[in-house]
Structures are given as C-alpha cells and as structure tokens.
C-alpha cells in the first residue's frame, strides 16, 4: 500500500473504476448512495482526482459538457495495481461511533 494514498484515495479510485468518472460524478455518487466512507467536505472529493492524476494513478481528458469542457478521469495501470494491492490487504477493524454503545459501556456507573 502506497504511503501517498489515503482512505479517500482508494474510495475515489474505486468509484472511478473501469469506465472513468469526473469529479462532479464522484460527488453525485456520494450524494445519491449511502455514505460508506465519510469524506467530509465535497471539496475534498473534487480535489482528490487531480492529486491522484499528478501522482500517476489517473489519466485525464477533457470532454464536452453542457456549458464548458469537463475533465474525465480514468485509472492508469499504476492506479489499477494500487487498488489490487490494497484489496489484497486485510481490512482494519471498523470504527464505531455510536452514542448507544457508549451508554451501554457506561451503564454500570
């Protein structure tokens, strides 16, 4: 697993997937679907593909949009290898942030 990649990096690489996507598409996916990974501000999702492209994990091309050109990203071979290496690693124990769990733990008080 690369030290230049973080959790959000792998989420973005996964969402871009086989067919590619633009930053706006990624934000729409996060809005429509369940939040399997909390990225925080949408600005982080918009910025991450550009960072990954600069590192060589994504390639980009301009495609026509309704009002202006859009950037469309695709995985490079390096990006595919990074996802494959990451998938081979065991998942970390899930973080649980639950007020109910804390209340159960504190019940003896």
PDB file of N, CA and C in Angstrom:
ATOM      1  N   UNK A   1       0.848  -1.177   0.000  1.00  0.00           N
ATOM      2  CA  UNK A   1       0.000   0.000   0.000  1.00  0.00           C
ATOM      3  C   UNK A   1       0.890   1.235   0.000  1.00  0.00           C
ATOM      4  N   UNK A   2       0.621   2.135  -0.880  1.00  0.00           N
ATOM      5  CA  UNK A   2       1.431   3.333  -1.036  1.00  0.00           C
ATOM      6  C   UNK A   2       1.194   4.313   0.112  1.00  0.00           C
ATOM      7  N   UNK A   3       2.259   4.977   0.529  1.00  0.00           N
ATOM      8  CA  UNK A   3       2.120   5.982   1.586  1.00  0.00           C
ATOM      9  C   UNK A   3       1.545   7.287   1.043  1.00  0.00           C
ATOM     10  N   UNK A   4       1.538   7.461  -0.289  1.00  0.00           N
ATOM     11  CA  UNK A   4       0.981   8.684  -0.849  1.00  0.00           C
ATOM     12  C   UNK A   4      -0.538   8.588  -1.046  1.00  0.00           C
ATOM     13  N   UNK A   5      -1.098   7.423  -0.745  1.00  0.00           N
ATOM     14  CA  UNK A   5      -2.536   7.227  -0.860  1.00  0.00           C
ATOM     15  C   UNK A   5      -3.156   7.110   0.526  1.00  0.00           C
ATOM     16  N   UNK A   6      -4.382   7.605   0.660  1.00  0.00           N
ATOM     17  CA  UNK A   6      -5.104   7.527   1.934  1.00  0.00           C
ATOM     18  C   UNK A   6      -6.466   6.887   1.688  1.00  0.00           C
ATOM     19  N   UNK A   7      -7.285   6.817   2.690  1.00  0.00           N
ATOM     20  CA  UNK A   7      -8.591   6.187   2.560  1.00  0.00           C
ATOM     21  C   UNK A   7      -9.443   6.810   1.466  1.00  0.00           C
ATOM     22  N   UNK A   8      -9.465   8.134   1.398  1.00  0.00           N
ATOM     23  CA  UNK A   8     -10.234   8.818   0.366  1.00  0.00           C
ATOM     24  C   UNK A   8      -9.683   8.484  -1.022  1.00  0.00           C
ATOM     25  N   UNK A   9      -8.377   8.329  -1.135  1.00  0.00           N
ATOM     26  CA  UNK A   9      -7.769   7.984  -2.426  1.00  0.00           C
ATOM     27  C   UNK A   9      -8.348   6.683  -2.957  1.00  0.00           C
ATOM     28  N   UNK A  10      -8.447   5.693  -2.096  1.00  0.00           N
ATOM     29  CA  UNK A  10      -8.965   4.390  -2.527  1.00  0.00           C
ATOM     30  C   UNK A  10     -10.459   4.453  -2.851  1.00  0.00           C
ATOM     31  N   UNK A  11     -11.196   5.284  -2.126  1.00  0.00           N
ATOM     32  CA  UNK A  11     -12.615   5.475  -2.441  1.00  0.00           C
ATOM     33  C   UNK A  11     -12.743   6.071  -3.846  1.00  0.00           C
ATOM     34  N   UNK A  12     -11.956   7.093  -4.133  1.00  0.00           N
ATOM     35  CA  UNK A  12     -12.013   7.753  -5.443  1.00  0.00           C
ATOM     36  C   UNK A  12     -11.577   6.798  -6.543  1.00  0.00           C
ATOM     37  N   UNK A  13     -10.482   6.075  -6.342  1.00  0.00           N
ATOM     38  CA  UNK A  13     -10.024   5.112  -7.350  1.00  0.00           C
ATOM     39  C   UNK A  13     -11.110   4.071  -7.627  1.00  0.00           C
ATOM     40  N   UNK A  14     -11.764   3.602  -6.576  1.00  0.00           N
ATOM     41  CA  UNK A  14     -12.827   2.612  -6.721  1.00  0.00           C
ATOM     42  C   UNK A  14     -14.022   3.185  -7.493  1.00  0.00           C
ATOM     43  N   UNK A  15     -14.447   4.394  -7.155  1.00  0.00           N
ATOM     44  CA  UNK A  15     -15.597   4.993  -7.821  1.00  0.00           C
ATOM     45  C   UNK A  15     -15.298   5.310  -9.286  1.00  0.00           C
ATOM     46  N   UNK A  16     -14.083   5.674  -9.593  1.00  0.00           N
ATOM     47  CA  UNK A  16     -13.710   5.929 -10.984  1.00  0.00           C
ATOM     48  C   UNK A  16     -13.754   4.626 -11.765  1.00  0.00           C
ATOM     49  N   UNK A  17     -13.286   3.554 -11.145  1.00  0.00           N
ATOM     50  CA  UNK A  17     -13.456   2.208 -11.683  1.00  0.00           C
ATOM     51  C   UNK A  17     -13.026   2.002 -13.121  1.00  0.00           C
ATOM     52  N   UNK A  18     -13.644   1.036 -13.754  1.00  0.00           N
ATOM     53  CA  UNK A  18     -13.275   0.626 -15.120  1.00  0.00           C
ATOM     54  C   UNK A  18     -13.621   1.656 -16.185  1.00  0.00           C
ATOM     55  N   UNK A  19     -14.674   2.436 -15.969  1.00  0.00           N
ATOM     56  CA  UNK A  19     -15.186   3.293 -17.038  1.00  0.00           C
ATOM     57  C   UNK A  19     -14.859   4.768 -16.867  1.00  0.00           C
ATOM     58  N   UNK A  20     -14.283   5.131 -15.733  1.00  0.00           N
ATOM     59  CA  UNK A  20     -13.910   6.514 -15.511  1.00  0.00           C
ATOM     60  C   UNK A  20     -15.056   7.348 -14.976  1.00  0.00           C
ATOM     61  N   UNK A  21     -14.718   8.540 -14.539  1.00  0.00           N
ATOM     62  CA  UNK A  21     -15.704   9.471 -13.986  1.00  0.00           C
ATOM     63  C   UNK A  21     -15.049  10.832 -13.829  1.00  0.00           C
ATOM     64  N   UNK A  22     -15.877  11.832 -13.705  1.00  0.00           N
ATOM     65  CA  UNK A  22     -15.403  13.177 -13.417  1.00  0.00           C
ATOM     66  C   UNK A  22     -15.631  13.507 -11.959  1.00  0.00           C
ATOM     67  N   UNK A  23     -14.998  14.560 -11.472  1.00  0.00           N
ATOM     68  CA  UNK A  23     -15.178  14.937 -10.060  1.00  0.00           C
ATOM     69  C   UNK A  23     -16.637  15.168  -9.685  1.00  0.00           C
ATOM     70  N   UNK A  24     -17.389  15.816 -10.578  1.00  0.00           N
ATOM     71  CA  UNK A  24     -18.810  16.057 -10.285  1.00  0.00           C
ATOM     72  C   UNK A  24     -19.559  14.729 -10.176  1.00  0.00           C
ATOM     73  N   UNK A  25     -19.212  13.760 -11.036  1.00  0.00           N
ATOM     74  CA  UNK A  25     -19.835  12.433 -10.967  1.00  0.00           C
ATOM     75  C   UNK A  25     -19.567  11.785  -9.609  1.00  0.00           C
ATOM     76  N   UNK A  26     -18.349  11.939  -9.110  1.00  0.00           N
ATOM     77  CA  UNK A  26     -17.980  11.346  -7.816  1.00  0.00           C
ATOM     78  C   UNK A  26     -18.816  11.940  -6.686  1.00  0.00           C
ATOM     79  N   UNK A  27     -18.988  13.257  -6.715  1.00  0.00           N
ATOM     80  CA  UNK A  27     -19.784  13.919  -5.674  1.00  0.00           C
ATOM     81  C   UNK A  27     -21.240  13.465  -5.772  1.00  0.00           C
ATOM     82  N   UNK A  28     -21.752  13.338  -6.991  1.00  0.00           N
ATOM     83  CA  UNK A  28     -23.128  12.867  -7.168  1.00  0.00           C
ATOM     84  C   UNK A  28     -23.289  11.444  -6.638  1.00  0.00           C
ATOM     85  N   UNK A  29     -22.293  10.588  -6.883  1.00  0.00           N
ATOM     86  CA  UNK A  29     -22.338   9.214  -6.357  1.00  0.00           C
ATOM     87  C   UNK A  29     -22.405   9.245  -4.832  1.00  0.00           C
ATOM     88  N   UNK A  30     -21.619  10.119  -4.222  1.00  0.00           N
ATOM     89  CA  UNK A  30     -21.615  10.220  -2.761  1.00  0.00           C
ATOM     90  C   UNK A  30     -22.954  10.748  -2.244  1.00  0.00           C
ATOM     91  N   UNK A  31     -23.551  11.684  -2.960  1.00  0.00           N
ATOM     92  CA  UNK A  31     -24.844  12.240  -2.538  1.00  0.00           C
ATOM     93  C   UNK A  31     -25.973  11.221  -2.668  1.00  0.00           C
ATOM     94  N   UNK A  32     -25.981  10.483  -3.772  1.00  0.00           N
ATOM     95  CA  UNK A  32     -27.081   9.548  -4.044  1.00  0.00           C
ATOM     96  C   UNK A  32     -26.996   8.278  -3.221  1.00  0.00           C
ATOM     97  N   UNK A  33     -25.797   7.767  -3.068  1.00  0.00           N
ATOM     98  CA  UNK A  33     -25.646   6.484  -2.404  1.00  0.00           C
ATOM     99  C   UNK A  33     -25.480   6.640  -0.907  1.00  0.00           C
ATOM    100  N   UNK A  34     -25.438   5.523  -0.245  1.00  0.00           N
ATOM    101  CA  UNK A  34     -25.148   5.546   1.183  1.00  0.00           C
ATOM    102  C   UNK A  34     -23.702   5.936   1.365  1.00  0.00           C
ATOM    103  N   UNK A  35     -23.437   6.648   2.385  1.00  0.00           N
ATOM    104  CA  UNK A  35     -22.059   7.077   2.642  1.00  0.00           C
ATOM    105  C   UNK A  35     -21.305   5.932   3.308  1.00  0.00           C
ATOM    106  N   UNK A  36     -20.635   5.150   2.476  1.00  0.00           N
ATOM    107  CA  UNK A  36     -19.842   4.059   3.003  1.00  0.00           C
ATOM    108  C   UNK A  36     -18.534   4.573   3.575  1.00  0.00           C
ATOM    109  N   UNK A  37     -18.148   5.746   3.128  1.00  0.00           N
ATOM    110  CA  UNK A  37     -16.921   6.360   3.628  1.00  0.00           C
ATOM    111  C   UNK A  37     -17.191   7.845   3.754  1.00  0.00           C
ATOM    112  N   UNK A  38     -16.995   8.392   4.924  1.00  0.00           N
ATOM    113  CA  UNK A  38     -17.254   9.802   5.133  1.00  0.00           C
ATOM    114  C   UNK A  38     -16.030  10.600   4.720  1.00  0.00           C
ATOM    115  N   UNK A  39     -16.149  11.363   3.660  1.00  0.00           N
ATOM    116  CA  UNK A  39     -15.027  12.131   3.128  1.00  0.00           C
ATOM    117  C   UNK A  39     -14.964  13.531   3.712  1.00  0.00           C
ATOM    118  N   UNK A  40     -15.993  13.933   4.414  1.00  0.00           N
ATOM    119  CA  UNK A  40     -16.023  15.297   4.910  1.00  0.00           C
ATOM    120  C   UNK A  40     -16.562  16.223   3.831  1.00  0.00           C
ATOM    121  N   UNK A  41     -15.895  17.321   3.609  1.00  0.00           N
ATOM    122  CA  UNK A  41     -16.355  18.314   2.644  1.00  0.00           C
ATOM    123  C   UNK A  41     -16.277  17.779   1.212  1.00  0.00           C
ATOM    124  N   UNK A  42     -17.255  18.170   0.403  1.00  0.00           N
ATOM    125  CA  UNK A  42     -17.251  17.756  -1.000  1.00  0.00           C
ATOM    126  C   UNK A  42     -16.023  18.273  -1.721  1.00  0.00           C
ATOM    127  N   UNK A  43     -15.448  19.372  -1.230  1.00  0.00           N
ATOM    128  CA  UNK A  43     -14.255  19.929  -1.871  1.00  0.00           C
ATOM    129  C   UNK A  43     -13.102  18.914  -1.878  1.00  0.00           C
ATOM    130  N   UNK A  44     -13.063  18.048  -0.871  1.00  0.00           N
ATOM    131  CA  UNK A  44     -12.021  17.013  -0.842  1.00  0.00           C
ATOM    132  C   UNK A  44     -12.219  16.011  -1.977  1.00  0.00           C
ATOM    133  N   UNK A  45     -13.487  15.683  -2.256  1.00  0.00           N
ATOM    134  CA  UNK A  45     -13.780  14.741  -3.347  1.00  0.00           C
ATOM    135  C   UNK A  45     -13.428  15.380  -4.682  1.00  0.00           C
ATOM    136  N   UNK A  46     -13.707  16.670  -4.839  1.00  0.00           N
ATOM    137  CA  UNK A  46     -13.367  17.362  -6.078  1.00  0.00           C
ATOM    138  C   UNK A  46     -11.850  17.443  -6.274  1.00  0.00           C
ATOM    139  N   UNK A  47     -11.107  17.618  -5.206  1.00  0.00           N
ATOM    140  CA  UNK A  47      -9.654  17.815  -5.306  1.00  0.00           C
ATOM    141  C   UNK A  47      -8.870  16.516  -5.480  1.00  0.00           C
ATOM    142  N   UNK A  48      -9.366  15.424  -4.949  1.00  0.00           N
ATOM    143  CA  UNK A  48      -8.588  14.176  -4.930  1.00  0.00           C
ATOM    144  C   UNK A  48      -8.240  13.632  -6.316  1.00  0.00           C
ATOM    145  N   UNK A  49      -9.136  13.642  -7.316  1.00  0.00           N
ATOM    146  CA  UNK A  49      -8.744  13.127  -8.633  1.00  0.00           C
ATOM    147  C   UNK A  49      -7.570  13.889  -9.256  1.00  0.00           C
ATOM    148  N   UNK A  50      -7.551  15.196  -9.083  1.00  0.00           N
ATOM    149  CA  UNK A  50      -6.444  15.997  -9.628  1.00  0.00           C
ATOM    150  C   UNK A  50      -5.127  15.591  -8.961  1.00  0.00           C
ATOM    151  N   UNK A  51      -5.165  15.367  -7.653  1.00  0.00           N
ATOM    152  CA  UNK A  51      -3.968  14.953  -6.921  1.00  0.00           C
ATOM    153  C   UNK A  51      -3.513  13.574  -7.390  1.00  0.00           C
ATOM    154  N   UNK A  52      -4.471  12.647  -7.560  1.00  0.00           N
ATOM    155  CA  UNK A  52      -4.134  11.296  -7.997  1.00  0.00           C
ATOM    156  C   UNK A  52      -3.585  11.293  -9.432  1.00  0.00           C
ATOM    157  N   UNK A  53      -4.091  12.186 -10.267  1.00  0.00           N
ATOM    158  CA  UNK A  53      -3.568  12.295 -11.636  1.00  0.00           C
ATOM    159  C   UNK A  53      -2.129  12.799 -11.614  1.00  0.00           C
ATOM    160  N   UNK A  54      -1.839  13.760 -10.755  1.00  0.00           N
ATOM    161  CA  UNK A  54      -0.471  14.282 -10.650  1.00  0.00           C
ATOM    162  C   UNK A  54       0.504  13.202 -10.178  1.00  0.00           C
ATOM    163  N   UNK A  55      -0.002  12.242  -9.390  1.00  0.00           N
ATOM    164  CA  UNK A  55       0.840  11.147  -8.895  1.00  0.00           C
ATOM    165  C   UNK A  55       0.915   9.969  -9.872  1.00  0.00           C
ATOM    166  N   UNK A  56       0.141  10.030 -10.958  1.00  0.00           N
ATOM    167  CA  UNK A  56       0.198   8.991 -11.977  1.00  0.00           C
ATOM    168  C   UNK A  56      -0.794   7.854 -11.813  1.00  0.00           C
ATOM    169  N   UNK A  57      -1.740   7.967 -10.880  1.00  0.00           N
ATOM    170  CA  UNK A  57      -2.738   6.915 -10.667  1.00  0.00           C
ATOM    171  C   UNK A  57      -3.934   7.053 -11.605  1.00  0.00           C
ATOM    172  N   UNK A  58      -4.134   8.263 -12.130  1.00  0.00           N
ATOM    173  CA  UNK A  58      -5.239   8.540 -13.033  1.00  0.00           C
ATOM    174  C   UNK A  58      -4.723   9.287 -14.258  1.00  0.00           C
ATOM    175  N   UNK A  59      -5.396   9.086 -15.373  1.00  0.00           N
ATOM    176  CA  UNK A  59      -5.169   9.929 -16.545  1.00  0.00           C
ATOM    177  C   UNK A  59      -6.417  10.784 -16.704  1.00  0.00           C
ATOM    178  N   UNK A  60      -6.281  11.900 -17.398  1.00  0.00           N
ATOM    179  CA  UNK A  60      -7.442  12.772 -17.571  1.00  0.00           C
ATOM    180  C   UNK A  60      -7.551  13.221 -19.018  1.00  0.00           C
ATOM    181  N   UNK A  61      -8.776  13.495 -19.399  1.00  0.00           N
ATOM    182  CA  UNK A  61      -9.034  14.068 -20.713  1.00  0.00           C
ATOM    183  C   UNK A  61     -10.208  15.023 -20.593  1.00  0.00           C
ATOM    184  N   UNK A  62     -10.225  16.016 -21.440  1.00  0.00           N
ATOM    185  CA  UNK A  62     -11.333  16.970 -21.467  1.00  0.00           C
ATOM    186  C   UNK A  62     -12.410  16.436 -22.404  1.00  0.00           C
ATOM    187  N   UNK A  63     -13.653  16.466 -21.941  1.00  0.00           N
ATOM    188  CA  UNK A  63     -14.789  16.046 -22.759  1.00  0.00           C
ATOM    189  C   UNK A  63     -15.796  17.194 -22.780  1.00  0.00           C
ATOM    190  N   UNK A  64     -16.567  17.302 -23.859  1.00  0.00           N
ATOM    191  CA  UNK A  64     -17.541  18.401 -23.934  1.00  0.00           C
ATOM    192  C   UNK A  64     -18.624  18.269 -22.868  1.00  0.00           C
ATOM    193  N   UNK A  65     -18.982  19.376 -22.269  1.00  0.00           N
ATOM    194  CA  UNK A  65     -20.078  19.426 -21.318  1.00  0.00           C
ATOM    195  C   UNK A  65     -21.162  20.350 -21.845  1.00  0.00           C
ATOM    196  N   UNK A  66     -22.194  20.579 -21.048  1.00  0.00           N
ATOM    197  CA  UNK A  66     -23.292  21.452 -21.488  1.00  0.00           C
ATOM    198  C   UNK A  66     -22.826  22.903 -21.668  1.00  0.00           C
ATOM    199  N   UNK A  67     -22.049  23.390 -20.717  1.00  0.00           N
ATOM    200  CA  UNK A  67     -21.618  24.786 -20.783  1.00  0.00           C
ATOM    201  C   UNK A  67     -20.108  24.944 -20.946  1.00  0.00           C
ATOM    202  N   UNK A  68     -19.348  23.947 -20.546  1.00  0.00           N
ATOM    203  CA  UNK A  68     -17.883  24.006 -20.676  1.00  0.00           C
ATOM    204  C   UNK A  68     -17.333  22.595 -20.673  1.00  0.00           C
ATOM    205  N   UNK A  69     -16.065  22.476 -21.008  1.00  0.00           N
ATOM    206  CA  UNK A  69     -15.442  21.160 -21.023  1.00  0.00           C
ATOM    207  C   UNK A  69     -15.366  20.593 -19.612  1.00  0.00           C
ATOM    208  N   UNK A  70     -15.507  19.270 -19.539  1.00  0.00           N
ATOM    209  CA  UNK A  70     -15.419  18.561 -18.256  1.00  0.00           C
ATOM    210  C   UNK A  70     -14.174  17.689 -18.277  1.00  0.00           C
ATOM    211  N   UNK A  71     -13.583  17.487 -17.128  1.00  0.00           N
ATOM    212  CA  UNK A  71     -12.439  16.583 -17.007  1.00  0.00           C
ATOM    213  C   UNK A  71     -12.967  15.204 -16.664  1.00  0.00           C
ATOM    214  N   UNK A  72     -12.542  14.223 -17.440  1.00  0.00           N
ATOM    215  CA  UNK A  72     -12.938  12.832 -17.221  1.00  0.00           C
ATOM    216  C   UNK A  72     -11.676  12.050 -16.866  1.00  0.00           C
ATOM    217  N   UNK A  73     -11.700  11.363 -15.740  1.00  0.00           N
ATOM    218  CA  UNK A  73     -10.539  10.614 -15.259  1.00  0.00           C
ATOM    219  C   UNK A  73     -10.714   9.125 -15.498  1.00  0.00           C
ATOM    220  N   UNK A  74      -9.605   8.460 -15.764  1.00  0.00           N
ATOM    221  CA  UNK A  74      -9.563   7.000 -15.901  1.00  0.00           C
ATOM    222  C   UNK A  74      -8.370   6.476 -15.113  1.00  0.00           C
ATOM    223  N   UNK A  75      -8.503   5.249 -14.642  1.00  0.00           N
ATOM    224  CA  UNK A  75      -7.390   4.610 -13.941  1.00  0.00           C
ATOM    225  C   UNK A  75      -6.246   4.330 -14.909  1.00  0.00           C
ATOM    226  N   UNK A  76      -5.033   4.578 -14.467  1.00  0.00           N
ATOM    227  CA  UNK A  76      -3.853   4.150 -15.217  1.00  0.00           C
ATOM    228  C   UNK A  76      -3.491   2.751 -14.738  1.00  0.00           C
ATOM    229  N   UNK A  77      -2.509   2.130 -15.372  1.00  0.00           N
ATOM    230  CA  UNK A  77      -2.036   0.823 -14.895  1.00  0.00           C
ATOM    231  C   UNK A  77      -1.563   0.925 -13.449  1.00  0.00           C
ATOM    232  N   UNK A  78      -0.911   2.034 -13.116  1.00  0.00           N
ATOM    233  CA  UNK A  78      -0.448   2.249 -11.743  1.00  0.00           C
ATOM    234  C   UNK A  78      -1.636   2.318 -10.780  1.00  0.00           C
ATOM    235  N   UNK A  79      -2.717   2.959 -11.213  1.00  0.00           N
ATOM    236  CA  UNK A  79      -3.917   3.053 -10.387  1.00  0.00           C
ATOM    237  C   UNK A  79      -4.568   1.701 -10.168  1.00  0.00           C
ATOM    238  N   UNK A  80      -4.637   0.898 -11.227  1.00  0.00           N
ATOM    239  CA  UNK A  80      -5.214  -0.451 -11.110  1.00  0.00           C
ATOM    240  C   UNK A  80      -4.373  -1.292 -10.158  1.00  0.00           C
ATOM    241  N   UNK A  81      -3.051  -1.228 -10.300  1.00  0.00           N
ATOM    242  CA  UNK A  81      -2.165  -2.000  -9.406  1.00  0.00           C
ATOM    243  C   UNK A  81      -2.337  -1.563  -7.954  1.00  0.00           C
ATOM    244  N   UNK A  82      -2.474  -0.264  -7.732  1.00  0.00           N
ATOM    245  CA  UNK A  82      -2.652   0.246  -6.363  1.00  0.00           C
ATOM    246  C   UNK A  82      -3.930  -0.306  -5.742  1.00  0.00           C
ATOM    247  N   UNK A  83      -5.020  -0.336  -6.506  1.00  0.00           N
ATOM    248  CA  UNK A  83      -6.284  -0.875  -5.991  1.00  0.00           C
ATOM    249  C   UNK A  83      -6.146  -2.372  -5.729  1.00  0.00           C
ATOM    250  N   UNK A  84      -5.505  -3.092  -6.644  1.00  0.00           N
ATOM    251  CA  UNK A  84      -5.324  -4.539  -6.462  1.00  0.00           C
ATOM    252  C   UNK A  84      -4.489  -4.842  -5.224  1.00  0.00           C
ATOM    253  N   UNK A  85      -3.414  -4.082  -4.999  1.00  0.00           N
ATOM    254  CA  UNK A  85      -2.585  -4.276  -3.799  1.00  0.00           C
ATOM    255  C   UNK A  85      -3.376  -3.966  -2.545  1.00  0.00           C
ATOM    256  N   UNK A  86      -4.168  -2.905  -2.595  1.00  0.00           N
ATOM    257  CA  UNK A  86      -4.985  -2.522  -1.442  1.00  0.00           C
ATOM    258  C   UNK A  86      -6.030  -3.590  -1.138  1.00  0.00           C
ATOM    259  N   UNK A  87      -6.655  -4.144  -2.186  1.00  0.00           N
ATOM    260  CA  UNK A  87      -7.675  -5.181  -1.990  1.00  0.00           C
ATOM    261  C   UNK A  87      -7.098  -6.445  -1.361  1.00  0.00           C
ATOM    262  N   UNK A  88      -5.824  -6.713  -1.590  1.00  0.00           N
ATOM    263  CA  UNK A  88      -5.185  -7.914  -1.048  1.00  0.00           C
ATOM    264  C   UNK A  88      -4.896  -7.788   0.454  1.00  0.00           C
ATOM    265  N   UNK A  89      -4.943  -6.568   0.981  1.00  0.00           N
ATOM    266  CA  UNK A  89      -4.687  -6.353   2.410  1.00  0.00           C
ATOM    267  C   UNK A  89      -5.950  -6.605   3.228  1.00  0.00           C
ATOM    268  N   UNK A  90      -5.799  -7.079   4.469  1.00  0.00           N
ATOM    269  CA  UNK A  90      -6.991  -7.232   5.319  1.00  0.00           C
ATOM    270  C   UNK A  90      -7.548  -5.859   5.714  1.00  0.00           C
ATOM    271  N   UNK A  91      -8.847  -5.798   5.869  1.00  0.00           N
ATOM    272  CA  UNK A  91      -9.478  -4.554   6.306  1.00  0.00           C
ATOM    273  C   UNK A  91      -9.179  -4.318   7.772  1.00  0.00           C
ATOM    274  N   UNK A  92      -9.094  -3.052   8.123  1.00  0.00           N
ATOM    275  CA  UNK A  92      -8.928  -2.697   9.526  1.00  0.00           C
ATOM    276  C   UNK A  92     -10.246  -2.946  10.259  1.00  0.00           C
ATOM    277  N   UNK A  93     -10.170  -3.049  11.578  1.00  0.00           N
ATOM    278  CA  UNK A  93     -11.375  -3.174  12.385  1.00  0.00           C
ATOM    279  C   UNK A  93     -12.218  -1.922  12.161  1.00  0.00           C
ATOM    280  N   UNK A  94     -13.520  -2.077  11.946  1.00  0.00           N
ATOM    281  CA  UNK A  94     -14.343  -0.896  11.645  1.00  0.00           C
ATOM    282  C   UNK A  94     -14.435   0.057  12.833  1.00  0.00           C
ATOM    283  N   UNK A  95     -14.416   1.342  12.512  1.00  0.00           N
ATOM    284  CA  UNK A  95     -14.602   2.359  13.551  1.00  0.00           C
ATOM    285  C   UNK A  95     -16.087   2.465  13.855  1.00  0.00           C
ATOM    286  N   UNK A  96     -16.417   2.460  15.119  1.00  0.00           N
ATOM    287  CA  UNK A  96     -17.817   2.579  15.515  1.00  0.00           C
ATOM    288  C   UNK A  96     -17.952   3.834  16.364  1.00  0.00           C
ATOM    289  N   UNK A  97     -18.783   4.730  15.904  1.00  0.00           N
ATOM    290  CA  UNK A  97     -19.059   5.941  16.663  1.00  0.00           C
ATOM    291  C   UNK A  97     -20.546   5.936  16.984  1.00  0.00           C
ATOM    292  N   UNK A  98     -20.862   5.338  18.125  1.00  0.00           N
ATOM    293  CA  UNK A  98     -22.261   5.170  18.471  1.00  0.00           C
ATOM    294  C   UNK A  98     -22.482   5.613  19.909  1.00  0.00           C
ATOM    295  N   UNK A  99     -23.349   6.585  20.075  1.00  0.00           N
ATOM    296  CA  UNK A  99     -23.680   7.033  21.418  1.00  0.00           C
ATOM    297  C   UNK A  99     -24.309   5.893  22.214  1.00  0.00           C
ATOM    298  N   UNK A 100     -25.111   5.072  21.558  1.00  0.00           N
ATOM    299  CA  UNK A 100     -25.759   3.953  22.252  1.00  0.00           C
ATOM    300  C   UNK A 100     -24.716   2.982  22.812  1.00  0.00           C
ATOM    301  N   UNK A 101     -23.664   2.701  22.052  1.00  0.00           N
ATOM    302  CA  UNK A 101     -22.620   1.792  22.529  1.00  0.00           C
ATOM    303  C   UNK A 101     -21.900   2.375  23.746  1.00  0.00           C
ATOM    304  N   UNK A 102     -21.656   3.666  23.749  1.00  0.00           N
ATOM    305  CA  UNK A 102     -21.014   4.317  24.890  1.00  0.00           C
ATOM    306  C   UNK A 102     -21.924   4.269  26.105  1.00  0.00           C
ATOM    307  N   UNK A 103     -23.212   4.452  25.898  1.00  0.00           N
ATOM    308  CA  UNK A 103     -24.164   4.383  27.015  1.00  0.00           C
ATOM    309  C   UNK A 103     -24.207   2.986  27.632  1.00  0.00           C
ATOM    310  N   UNK A 104     -24.146   1.945  26.807  1.00  0.00           N
ATOM    311  CA  UNK A 104     -24.113   0.558  27.325  1.00  0.00           C
ATOM    312  C   UNK A 104     -22.833   0.364  28.128  1.00  0.00           C
ATOM    313  N   UNK A 105     -21.713   0.844  27.586  1.00  0.00           N
ATOM    314  CA  UNK A 105     -20.443   0.676  28.278  1.00  0.00           C
ATOM    315  C   UNK A 105     -20.461   1.382  29.636  1.00  0.00           C
ATOM    316  N   UNK A 106     -21.118   2.510  29.698  1.00  0.00           N
ATOM    317  CA  UNK A 106     -21.162   3.296  30.942  1.00  0.00           C
ATOM    318  C   UNK A 106     -22.313   2.907  31.865  1.00  0.00           C
ATOM    319  N   UNK A 107     -23.059   1.891  31.529  1.00  0.00           N
ATOM    320  CA  UNK A 107     -24.274   1.548  32.272  1.00  0.00           C
ATOM    321  C   UNK A 107     -24.011   1.172  33.718  1.00  0.00           C
ATOM    322  N   UNK A 108     -22.826   0.702  34.053  1.00  0.00           N
ATOM    323  CA  UNK A 108     -22.556   0.320  35.436  1.00  0.00           C
ATOM    324  C   UNK A 108     -22.295   1.541  36.314  1.00  0.00           C
ATOM    325  N   UNK A 109     -22.182   2.706  35.723  1.00  0.00           N
ATOM    326  CA  UNK A 109     -21.953   3.911  36.502  1.00  0.00           C
ATOM    327  C   UNK A 109     -23.257   4.507  36.980  1.00  0.00           C
TER     328      UNK A 109
END
